[in-house]
Protein backbone atom coordinates (compact mmCIF):
# COMPACT_ATOMS: atom_id res chain seq x y z
CA UNK A 1 26.13 -11.68 1.87
CA UNK A 2 28.07 -14.00 4.33
CA UNK A 3 26.41 -17.28 4.01
CA UNK A 4 24.56 -16.99 0.67
CA UNK A 5 24.36 -20.88 -1.42
CA UNK A 6 27.20 -21.17 -3.61
CA UNK A 7 25.41 -22.37 -6.17
CA UNK A 8 22.66 -19.01 -6.54
CA UNK A 9 23.42 -17.05 -9.20
CA UNK A 10 24.51 -13.94 -8.76
CA UNK A 11 20.63 -12.53 -9.76
CA UNK A 12 19.61 -14.73 -7.31
CA UNK A 13 21.70 -13.40 -4.29
CA UNK A 14 21.47 -9.83 -5.13
CA UNK A 15 17.13 -10.77 -4.63
CA UNK A 16 17.69 -12.84 -1.42
CA UNK A 17 19.40 -10.20 -0.24
CA UNK A 18 17.12 -7.63 -0.89
CA UNK A 19 14.39 -9.40 -0.57
CA UNK A 20 16.14 -9.74 3.47
CA UNK A 21 16.94 -6.49 4.26
CA UNK A 22 13.41 -4.84 3.07
CA UNK A 23 11.07 -7.88 5.06
CA UNK A 24 13.74 -6.48 8.42
CA UNK A 25 13.51 -3.06 8.50
CA UNK A 26 16.72 -2.59 7.24
CA UNK A 27 15.89 -1.06 3.72
CA UNK A 28 12.99 1.05 5.48
CA UNK A 29 9.86 1.57 3.20
CA UNK A 30 10.18 4.51 0.44
CA UNK A 31 13.90 4.20 1.03
CA UNK A 32 15.88 5.21 -2.19
CA UNK A 33 18.18 2.01 -3.51
CA UNK A 34 21.49 3.42 -5.23
CA UNK A 35 21.67 0.66 -7.42
CA UNK A 36 25.55 1.44 -8.31
CA UNK A 37 25.82 0.87 -4.90
CA UNK A 38 24.13 -1.82 -3.81
CA UNK A 39 25.97 -3.38 -6.85
CA UNK A 40 29.66 -2.72 -5.06
CA UNK A 41 28.50 -4.07 -1.95
CA UNK A 42 26.89 -6.63 -3.07
CA UNK A 43 30.01 -7.07 -4.63
CA UNK A 44 28.21 -7.74 -8.14
CA UNK A 45 27.81 -5.62 -11.62
CA UNK A 46 24.86 -3.67 -12.13
CA UNK A 47 23.14 -5.94 -14.69
CA UNK A 48 22.46 -8.89 -12.17
CA UNK A 49 20.86 -5.91 -9.97
CA UNK A 50 19.40 -4.83 -11.91
CA UNK A 51 17.40 -8.46 -13.03
CA UNK A 52 16.65 -9.31 -8.41
CA UNK A 53 15.01 -5.00 -8.53
CA UNK A 54 12.19 -6.67 -11.59
CA UNK A 55 11.61 -9.43 -9.34
CA UNK A 56 11.07 -8.00 -6.62
CA UNK A 57 9.02 -5.07 -8.59
CA UNK A 58 7.16 -7.85 -8.95
CA UNK A 59 6.63 -9.12 -5.60
CA UNK A 60 5.56 -5.01 -4.64
CA UNK A 61 8.11 -4.47 -2.93
CA UNK A 62 10.39 -2.44 -4.81
CA UNK A 63 9.05 0.98 -7.28
CA UNK A 64 11.02 1.08 -10.31
CA UNK A 65 10.15 3.80 -12.60
CA UNK A 66 11.34 4.50 -16.23
CA UNK A 67 14.56 5.62 -15.73
CA UNK A 68 15.26 3.00 -13.40
CA UNK A 69 15.30 5.22 -9.83
CA UNK A 70 14.30 2.21 -7.71
CA UNK A 71 12.84 2.91 -3.96
CA UNK A 72 11.46 0.29 -0.95
CA UNK A 73 7.70 0.45 -2.39
CA UNK A 74 6.10 2.27 1.09
CA UNK A 75 3.50 1.28 3.02
CA UNK A 76 -0.62 0.80 1.70
CA UNK A 77 -3.00 -0.37 4.05
CA UNK A 78 -5.27 -1.82 0.54
CA UNK A 79 -1.86 -4.32 0.39
CA UNK A 80 -2.06 -4.91 4.65
CA UNK A 81 -5.95 -5.24 4.50
CA UNK A 82 -5.57 -7.77 1.60
CA UNK A 83 -2.67 -9.45 3.85
CA UNK A 84 -4.99 -9.74 6.70
CA UNK A 85 -7.85 -10.58 5.18
CA UNK A 86 -5.60 -13.93 3.29
CA UNK A 87 -4.80 -15.14 7.43
CA UNK A 88 -8.29 -14.59 8.78
CA UNK A 89 -8.83 -17.67 5.96
CA UNK A 90 -5.30 -19.33 6.09
CA UNK A 91 -3.91 -19.37 9.22
CA UNK A 92 -7.53 -20.47 10.70
CA UNK A 93 -6.91 -23.39 8.42
CA UNK A 94 -3.12 -24.74 9.92
CA UNK A 95 -3.82 -24.24 12.73
CA UNK A 96 -7.66 -26.80 12.33
CA UNK A 97 -5.61 -29.59 10.01
CA UNK A 98 -2.86 -29.33 13.19
CA UNK A 99 -5.41 -30.27 15.92
CA UNK A 100 -5.73 -32.98 13.49
CA UNK A 101 -3.55 -33.99 12.39
CA UNK A 102 -0.82 -32.78 14.81
CA UNK A 103 2.73 -35.39 15.51
CA UNK A 104 4.31 -35.84 18.85
CA UNK A 105 7.61 -33.73 17.14
CA UNK A 106 5.26 -30.84 16.35
CA UNK A 107 3.29 -30.55 19.50
CA UNK A 108 7.89 -30.47 20.85
CA UNK A 109 8.39 -28.31 17.96
CA UNK A 110 5.55 -25.66 19.32
CA UNK A 111 5.96 -26.32 22.33
CA UNK A 112 9.32 -25.31 22.20
CA UNK A 113 8.44 -21.99 20.35
CA UNK A 114 6.13 -21.41 23.16
CA UNK A 115 8.38 -21.48 25.59
CA UNK A 116 10.80 -18.83 23.62
CA UNK A 117 8.13 -16.19 22.95
CA UNK A 118 7.72 -13.09 24.91
CA UNK A 119 5.31 -9.94 24.25
CA UNK A 120 5.05 -8.86 20.57
CA UNK A 121 5.89 -5.27 22.00
CA UNK A 122 8.05 -1.82 21.64
CA UNK A 123 10.20 -3.31 25.13
CA UNK A 124 11.61 -6.55 23.25
CA UNK A 125 11.17 -5.13 20.28
CA UNK A 126 12.43 -8.13 16.97
CA UNK A 127 13.96 -10.37 19.06
CA UNK A 128 9.91 -11.52 20.38
CA UNK A 129 8.63 -10.48 16.50
CA UNK A 130 11.08 -13.32 15.09
CA UNK A 131 9.62 -15.37 18.21
CA UNK A 132 6.13 -14.80 17.43
CA UNK A 133 7.07 -16.37 13.23
CA UNK A 134 8.64 -19.18 15.24
CA UNK A 135 5.26 -19.76 17.28
CA UNK A 136 3.06 -19.98 14.13
CA UNK A 137 5.84 -21.24 11.88
CA UNK A 138 5.56 -24.65 14.59
CA UNK A 139 1.71 -24.28 14.06
CA UNK A 140 1.38 -24.21 10.24
CA UNK A 141 3.72 -26.21 9.40
CA UNK A 142 2.30 -29.63 11.49
CA UNK A 143 -1.08 -29.10 9.60
CA UNK A 144 1.18 -30.88 6.56
CA UNK A 145 -0.10 -29.75 3.89
CA UNK A 146 3.21 -28.55 2.05
CA UNK A 147 1.04 -26.03 -0.29
CA UNK A 148 -0.76 -24.14 2.74
CA UNK A 149 2.98 -24.34 4.40
CA UNK A 150 3.88 -22.46 1.03
CA UNK A 151 1.27 -19.94 0.93
CA UNK A 152 1.43 -18.96 4.52
CA UNK A 153 5.57 -18.71 4.57
CA UNK A 154 4.93 -15.66 1.36
CA UNK A 155 2.14 -13.87 3.80
CA UNK A 156 3.79 -14.32 6.37
CA UNK A 157 7.28 -12.62 4.39
CA UNK A 158 5.34 -9.52 2.26
CA UNK A 159 3.02 -8.60 6.24
CA UNK A 160 5.96 -8.76 8.04
CA UNK A 161 7.00 -4.74 7.48
CA UNK A 162 3.56 -3.33 8.23
CA UNK A 163 4.61 -5.78 11.86
CA UNK A 164 7.02 -3.89 12.17
CA UNK A 165 5.14 -0.78 11.66
CA UNK A 166 2.42 -2.61 13.96
CA UNK A 167 5.21 -2.87 16.56
CA UNK A 168 6.00 1.28 16.96
CA UNK A 169 1.91 1.76 17.49
CA UNK A 170 1.10 2.56 21.29
CA UNK A 171 -1.95 0.43 21.71
CA UNK A 172 -1.27 -0.64 25.09
CA UNK A 173 -0.11 -3.25 26.96
CA UNK A 174 -3.11 -5.44 27.81
CA UNK A 175 -3.84 -6.13 23.48
CA UNK A 176 -0.28 -7.71 23.20
CA UNK A 177 -0.36 -9.65 26.46
CA UNK A 178 -3.49 -11.46 25.62
CA UNK A 179 -1.56 -12.03 22.50
CA UNK A 180 0.66 -13.96 24.00
CA UNK A 181 -1.63 -16.06 26.36
CA UNK A 182 -3.61 -16.95 23.40
CA UNK A 183 -0.54 -18.80 21.62
CA UNK A 184 -0.28 -20.91 25.31
CA UNK A 185 -3.62 -21.75 24.42
CA UNK A 186 -3.26 -22.74 21.33
CA UNK A 187 -0.55 -25.34 21.81
CA UNK A 188 -3.85 -27.01 24.21
CA UNK A 189 -6.01 -26.76 21.79
CA UNK A 190 -4.09 -28.79 19.54
CA UNK A 191 -2.79 -31.14 21.75
CA UNK A 192 -6.41 -31.71 22.50
CA UNK A 193 -7.31 -31.93 19.09
CA UNK A 194 -9.49 -29.28 19.39
CA UNK A 195 -9.83 -27.88 15.87
CA UNK A 196 -13.41 -26.23 16.17
CA UNK A 197 -11.84 -24.15 19.27
CA UNK A 198 -7.96 -23.43 17.29
CA UNK A 199 -10.05 -22.26 14.69
CA UNK A 200 -11.90 -19.65 16.27
CA UNK A 201 -9.31 -18.60 18.07
CA UNK A 202 -6.54 -17.75 16.05
CA UNK A 203 -9.39 -16.17 13.29
CA UNK A 204 -9.68 -13.52 16.70
CA UNK A 205 -5.99 -13.91 17.65
CA UNK A 206 -4.88 -12.52 14.14
CA UNK A 207 -8.06 -9.62 14.41
CA UNK A 208 -6.65 -8.34 17.07
CA UNK A 209 -2.90 -8.75 15.52
CA UNK A 210 0.49 -5.70 14.96
CA UNK A 211 -0.52 -5.91 10.87
CA UNK A 212 -4.82 -4.58 12.44
CA UNK A 213 -3.69 -1.82 14.43
CA UNK A 214 -0.95 -1.09 11.14
CA UNK A 215 -3.55 -0.81 8.58
CA UNK A 216 -5.57 1.49 10.77
CA UNK A 217 -2.73 3.81 11.19
CA UNK A 218 -2.08 3.64 7.81
CA UNK A 219 -6.42 4.64 7.40
CA UNK A 220 -6.11 7.51 9.43
CA UNK A 221 -4.73 9.49 7.10
CA UNK A 222 -7.22 9.55 4.55
CA UNK A 223 -10.08 9.83 6.78
CA UNK A 224 -8.99 13.12 8.21
CA UNK A 225 -7.71 14.14 4.79
CA UNK A 226 -11.85 13.34 4.29
CA UNK A 227 -13.34 15.66 7.54
């Protein structure tokens, strides 16, 4: 937990660290959380750890049963679909507002971020995912709508687990290369002030996202069971 804010309570520090481990995939979906071992690794007693786990349960990231066993919440098609539906509304709004409100500094941030992008494929893995998220955040931060930025930060956090699952699926190279090219087009549209165009492109972009691929994969076992 190097670099943790010294002003955080132990419960807050545990919450932030475990949440990061879950969202990064270090603690994979469905994995058991051995609470005493986890508390020891975080250099704290069990009480603040349990407070942190209750907070994570409230976010849907952890499951706790009556015997206080804890595990990382599994991935669900329903949650992934709900997250995608929200993004289909909020991300295009962020891009539209960015085209209307972007500053010179915003455009510099977007161009810097797009220059660091890599194709989001298994070959590039985590590095590509991090760069991809950095770019999208540069776009919606340029909306200068603090509430929208806060909402999208939370939605992107929760979508990270599904995005990582999508990265492991074999959709072929073309969808991911198209995705890569569209980011460059978005920056030019925002620079030109094309609010309607970039909102429409963002919506199509999200429909072909890694989360969408994860939804399809998660729903396939259910469809097979019905057949």
